[in-house]
């Protein structure tokens, strides 16, 4: 089965409760010749799972970031979800915080390539573009 390399994108910002600086994982994008419409936000379970697996790879040093990703509660539905939780105090901010980070990064850059990993092409195709319809301008 063929695979492609996918980047996990993050943004460094403080926790709104304790001010601990953390990496807010907000998106996935193919590493090689990405197209703007392939940008995928991490506000749904399949993208969170993929980001977690890439971040937790044994050859990287981002396992702590992977451990901060929160699974969507079973009762919660819809696109409005923030998977990030603070590694210091455990605060799980609502989706408005992730939305504000996405808006800021979209307009001002400043994101971090947190990690990259290979994923099966069919798995990527099943989730790509599953984000909020945001066309990533920095491809």
C-alpha atoms as a PDB file:
ATOM      1  CA  UNK A   1       0.000   0.000   0.000  1.00  0.00           C
ATOM      2  CA  UNK A   2       1.337   3.424  -0.890  1.00  0.00           C
ATOM      3  CA  UNK A   3       1.852   6.110   1.713  1.00  0.00           C
ATOM      4  CA  UNK A   4       2.630   9.796   1.892  1.00  0.00           C
ATOM      5  CA  UNK A   5       4.296  12.018   4.417  1.00  0.00           C
ATOM      6  CA  UNK A   6       2.001  14.317   6.393  1.00  0.00           C
ATOM      7  CA  UNK A   7       3.074  17.274   8.543  1.00  0.00           C
ATOM      8  CA  UNK A   8       1.424  18.027  11.872  1.00  0.00           C
ATOM      9  CA  UNK A   9       1.079  21.786  12.283  1.00  0.00           C
ATOM     10  CA  UNK A  10       1.005  23.476  15.679  1.00  0.00           C
ATOM     11  CA  UNK A  11       1.109  26.923  17.204  1.00  0.00           C
ATOM     12  CA  UNK A  12       2.764  27.913  20.478  1.00  0.00           C
ATOM     13  CA  UNK A  13       0.481  29.842  22.802  1.00  0.00           C
ATOM     14  CA  UNK A  14      -0.235  29.952  26.546  1.00  0.00           C
ATOM     15  CA  UNK A  15      -2.951  28.021  28.330  1.00  0.00           C
ATOM     16  CA  UNK A  16      -5.800  30.407  29.135  1.00  0.00           C
ATOM     17  CA  UNK A  17      -6.007  29.048  32.703  1.00  0.00           C
ATOM     18  CA  UNK A  18      -2.390  28.676  33.924  1.00  0.00           C
ATOM     19  CA  UNK A  19      -0.397  30.496  31.192  1.00  0.00           C
ATOM     20  CA  UNK A  20       1.786  27.419  30.576  1.00  0.00           C
ATOM     21  CA  UNK A  21       3.146  27.647  27.028  1.00  0.00           C
ATOM     22  CA  UNK A  22       2.026  24.706  24.909  1.00  0.00           C
ATOM     23  CA  UNK A  23       1.839  23.604  21.298  1.00  0.00           C
ATOM     24  CA  UNK A  24      -1.750  23.778  20.037  1.00  0.00           C
ATOM     25  CA  UNK A  25      -2.099  21.137  17.315  1.00  0.00           C
ATOM     26  CA  UNK A  26      -4.394  22.625  14.686  1.00  0.00           C
ATOM     27  CA  UNK A  27      -3.841  20.941  11.318  1.00  0.00           C
ATOM     28  CA  UNK A  28      -2.435  18.329   8.967  1.00  0.00           C
ATOM     29  CA  UNK A  29      -0.934  18.908   5.534  1.00  0.00           C
ATOM     30  CA  UNK A  30       0.971  16.681   3.087  1.00  0.00           C
ATOM     31  CA  UNK A  31       4.700  17.441   3.143  1.00  0.00           C
ATOM     32  CA  UNK A  32       5.408  17.140  -0.560  1.00  0.00           C
ATOM     33  CA  UNK A  33       3.788  19.582  -2.964  1.00  0.00           C
ATOM     34  CA  UNK A  34       0.673  20.210  -0.892  1.00  0.00           C
ATOM     35  CA  UNK A  35      -2.358  21.908  -2.336  1.00  0.00           C
ATOM     36  CA  UNK A  36      -4.223  24.445  -0.238  1.00  0.00           C
ATOM     37  CA  UNK A  37      -7.437  22.439  -0.278  1.00  0.00           C
ATOM     38  CA  UNK A  38      -5.648  19.472   1.349  1.00  0.00           C
ATOM     39  CA  UNK A  39      -5.227  21.339   4.620  1.00  0.00           C
ATOM     40  CA  UNK A  40      -7.155  19.435   7.278  1.00  0.00           C
ATOM     41  CA  UNK A  41      -8.039  20.796  10.696  1.00  0.00           C
ATOM     42  CA  UNK A  42      -7.809  18.671  13.834  1.00  0.00           C
ATOM     43  CA  UNK A  43     -11.325  19.238  15.057  1.00  0.00           C
ATOM     44  CA  UNK A  44     -12.628  15.742  14.314  1.00  0.00           C
ATOM     45  CA  UNK A  45     -11.600  12.296  15.632  1.00  0.00           C
ATOM     46  CA  UNK A  46      -9.874  10.821  12.565  1.00  0.00           C
ATOM     47  CA  UNK A  47      -7.541  13.811  12.215  1.00  0.00           C
ATOM     48  CA  UNK A  48      -6.797  13.793  15.947  1.00  0.00           C
ATOM     49  CA  UNK A  49      -5.930  10.079  15.780  1.00  0.00           C
ATOM     50  CA  UNK A  50      -3.622  10.646  12.817  1.00  0.00           C
ATOM     51  CA  UNK A  51      -1.903  13.612  14.492  1.00  0.00           C
ATOM     52  CA  UNK A  52      -1.469  11.629  17.714  1.00  0.00           C
ATOM     53  CA  UNK A  53       0.139   8.682  15.894  1.00  0.00           C
ATOM     54  CA  UNK A  54       2.556  10.953  14.026  1.00  0.00           C
ATOM     55  CA  UNK A  55       3.474  12.914  17.158  1.00  0.00           C
ATOM     56  CA  UNK A  56       3.940   9.741  19.248  1.00  0.00           C
ATOM     57  CA  UNK A  57       6.333   8.064  16.782  1.00  0.00           C
ATOM     58  CA  UNK A  58       9.295   6.523  18.614  1.00  0.00           C
ATOM     59  CA  UNK A  59      11.870   8.404  16.522  1.00  0.00           C
ATOM     60  CA  UNK A  60      10.532  11.841  17.516  1.00  0.00           C
ATOM     61  CA  UNK A  61      10.503  13.969  20.635  1.00  0.00           C
ATOM     62  CA  UNK A  62       6.863  15.055  20.528  1.00  0.00           C
ATOM     63  CA  UNK A  63       5.252  12.268  22.557  1.00  0.00           C
ATOM     64  CA  UNK A  64       4.340  14.806  25.254  1.00  0.00           C
ATOM     65  CA  UNK A  65       2.401  16.821  22.658  1.00  0.00           C
ATOM     66  CA  UNK A  66       0.626  13.638  21.518  1.00  0.00           C
ATOM     67  CA  UNK A  67      -0.377  12.907  25.120  1.00  0.00           C
ATOM     68  CA  UNK A  68      -2.042  16.341  25.364  1.00  0.00           C
ATOM     69  CA  UNK A  69      -4.499  15.576  22.554  1.00  0.00           C
ATOM     70  CA  UNK A  70      -7.940  14.961  23.968  1.00  0.00           C
ATOM     71  CA  UNK A  71     -10.475  12.607  22.374  1.00  0.00           C
ATOM     72  CA  UNK A  72     -13.882  14.022  21.581  1.00  0.00           C
ATOM     73  CA  UNK A  73     -16.377  12.976  24.277  1.00  0.00           C
ATOM     74  CA  UNK A  74     -18.976  10.501  22.993  1.00  0.00           C
ATOM     75  CA  UNK A  75     -21.819  12.934  23.695  1.00  0.00           C
ATOM     76  CA  UNK A  76     -20.287  15.764  21.667  1.00  0.00           C
ATOM     77  CA  UNK A  77     -21.258  16.110  18.013  1.00  0.00           C
ATOM     78  CA  UNK A  78     -20.526  18.521  15.195  1.00  0.00           C
ATOM     79  CA  UNK A  79     -17.369  20.159  13.937  1.00  0.00           C
ATOM     80  CA  UNK A  80     -16.741  22.442  16.892  1.00  0.00           C
ATOM     81  CA  UNK A  81     -14.120  20.581  18.892  1.00  0.00           C
ATOM     82  CA  UNK A  82     -10.702  21.437  20.313  1.00  0.00           C
ATOM     83  CA  UNK A  83      -8.496  18.360  20.913  1.00  0.00           C
ATOM     84  CA  UNK A  84      -5.799  20.248  22.824  1.00  0.00           C
ATOM     85  CA  UNK A  85      -5.469  20.179  26.586  1.00  0.00           C
ATOM     86  CA  UNK A  86      -2.835  21.778  28.770  1.00  0.00           C
ATOM     87  CA  UNK A  87       0.008  19.490  29.826  1.00  0.00           C
ATOM     88  CA  UNK A  88       0.516  21.422  33.068  1.00  0.00           C
ATOM     89  CA  UNK A  89      -2.965  21.955  34.520  1.00  0.00           C
ATOM     90  CA  UNK A  90      -5.081  19.690  32.288  1.00  0.00           C
ATOM     91  CA  UNK A  91      -7.378  22.508  31.160  1.00  0.00           C
ATOM     92  CA  UNK A  92      -9.363  21.638  28.050  1.00  0.00           C
ATOM     93  CA  UNK A  93     -10.284  24.897  26.315  1.00  0.00           C
ATOM     94  CA  UNK A  94     -13.395  25.041  24.172  1.00  0.00           C
ATOM     95  CA  UNK A  95     -13.396  25.153  20.387  1.00  0.00           C
ATOM     96  CA  UNK A  96     -13.386  28.964  20.309  1.00  0.00           C
ATOM     97  CA  UNK A  97      -9.741  28.925  21.423  1.00  0.00           C
ATOM     98  CA  UNK A  98      -8.734  26.589  18.580  1.00  0.00           C
ATOM     99  CA  UNK A  99     -10.765  28.701  16.151  1.00  0.00           C
ATOM    100  CA  UNK A 100      -8.954  31.853  17.296  1.00  0.00           C
ATOM    101  CA  UNK A 101      -5.586  30.122  16.859  1.00  0.00           C
ATOM    102  CA  UNK A 102      -6.555  28.958  13.354  1.00  0.00           C
ATOM    103  CA  UNK A 103      -7.607  32.481  12.417  1.00  0.00           C
ATOM    104  CA  UNK A 104      -4.407  34.000  13.801  1.00  0.00           C
ATOM    105  CA  UNK A 105      -2.129  31.462  12.107  1.00  0.00           C
ATOM    106  CA  UNK A 106      -4.007  31.757   8.814  1.00  0.00           C
ATOM    107  CA  UNK A 107      -3.461  35.523   8.722  1.00  0.00           C
ATOM    108  CA  UNK A 108      -0.096  35.892  10.435  1.00  0.00           C
ATOM    109  CA  UNK A 109       1.818  32.627   9.925  1.00  0.00           C
ATOM    110  CA  UNK A 110       4.018  31.629  12.862  1.00  0.00           C
ATOM    111  CA  UNK A 111       3.067  27.967  12.938  1.00  0.00           C
ATOM    112  CA  UNK A 112       5.404  25.118  13.905  1.00  0.00           C
ATOM    113  CA  UNK A 113       6.032  21.958  11.909  1.00  0.00           C
ATOM    114  CA  UNK A 114       5.619  19.805  15.001  1.00  0.00           C
ATOM    115  CA  UNK A 115       6.261  16.429  13.355  1.00  0.00           C
ATOM    116  CA  UNK A 116       5.989  14.517  10.096  1.00  0.00           C
ATOM    117  CA  UNK A 117       5.061  10.911   9.504  1.00  0.00           C
ATOM    118  CA  UNK A 118       3.970   8.519   6.805  1.00  0.00           C
ATOM    119  CA  UNK A 119       0.320   7.535   6.527  1.00  0.00           C
ATOM    120  CA  UNK A 120      -1.445   5.211   4.069  1.00  0.00           C
ATOM    121  CA  UNK A 121      -2.857   7.111   1.089  1.00  0.00           C
ATOM    122  CA  UNK A 122      -6.388   5.651   1.499  1.00  0.00           C
ATOM    123  CA  UNK A 123      -6.429   6.822   5.133  1.00  0.00           C
ATOM    124  CA  UNK A 124      -5.356  10.320   4.095  1.00  0.00           C
ATOM    125  CA  UNK A 125      -7.931  10.464   1.322  1.00  0.00           C
ATOM    126  CA  UNK A 126     -10.634   9.508   3.812  1.00  0.00           C
ATOM    127  CA  UNK A 127      -9.923  12.565   5.977  1.00  0.00           C
ATOM    128  CA  UNK A 128      -8.181  15.144   3.769  1.00  0.00           C
ATOM    129  CA  UNK A 129     -10.028  18.335   3.324  1.00  0.00           C
ATOM    130  CA  UNK A 130     -12.305  17.245   6.141  1.00  0.00           C
ATOM    131  CA  UNK A 131     -11.468  20.476   7.931  1.00  0.00           C
ATOM    132  CA  UNK A 132     -13.488  23.632   8.076  1.00  0.00           C
ATOM    133  CA  UNK A 133     -13.203  24.385   4.382  1.00  0.00           C
ATOM    134  CA  UNK A 134     -10.136  26.526   4.961  1.00  0.00           C
ATOM    135  CA  UNK A 135      -7.832  26.792   1.955  1.00  0.00           C
ATOM    136  CA  UNK A 136      -4.276  26.863   3.356  1.00  0.00           C
ATOM    137  CA  UNK A 137      -2.568  29.847   1.701  1.00  0.00           C
ATOM    138  CA  UNK A 138       1.036  28.883   2.453  1.00  0.00           C
ATOM    139  CA  UNK A 139       1.482  25.993   0.033  1.00  0.00           C
END
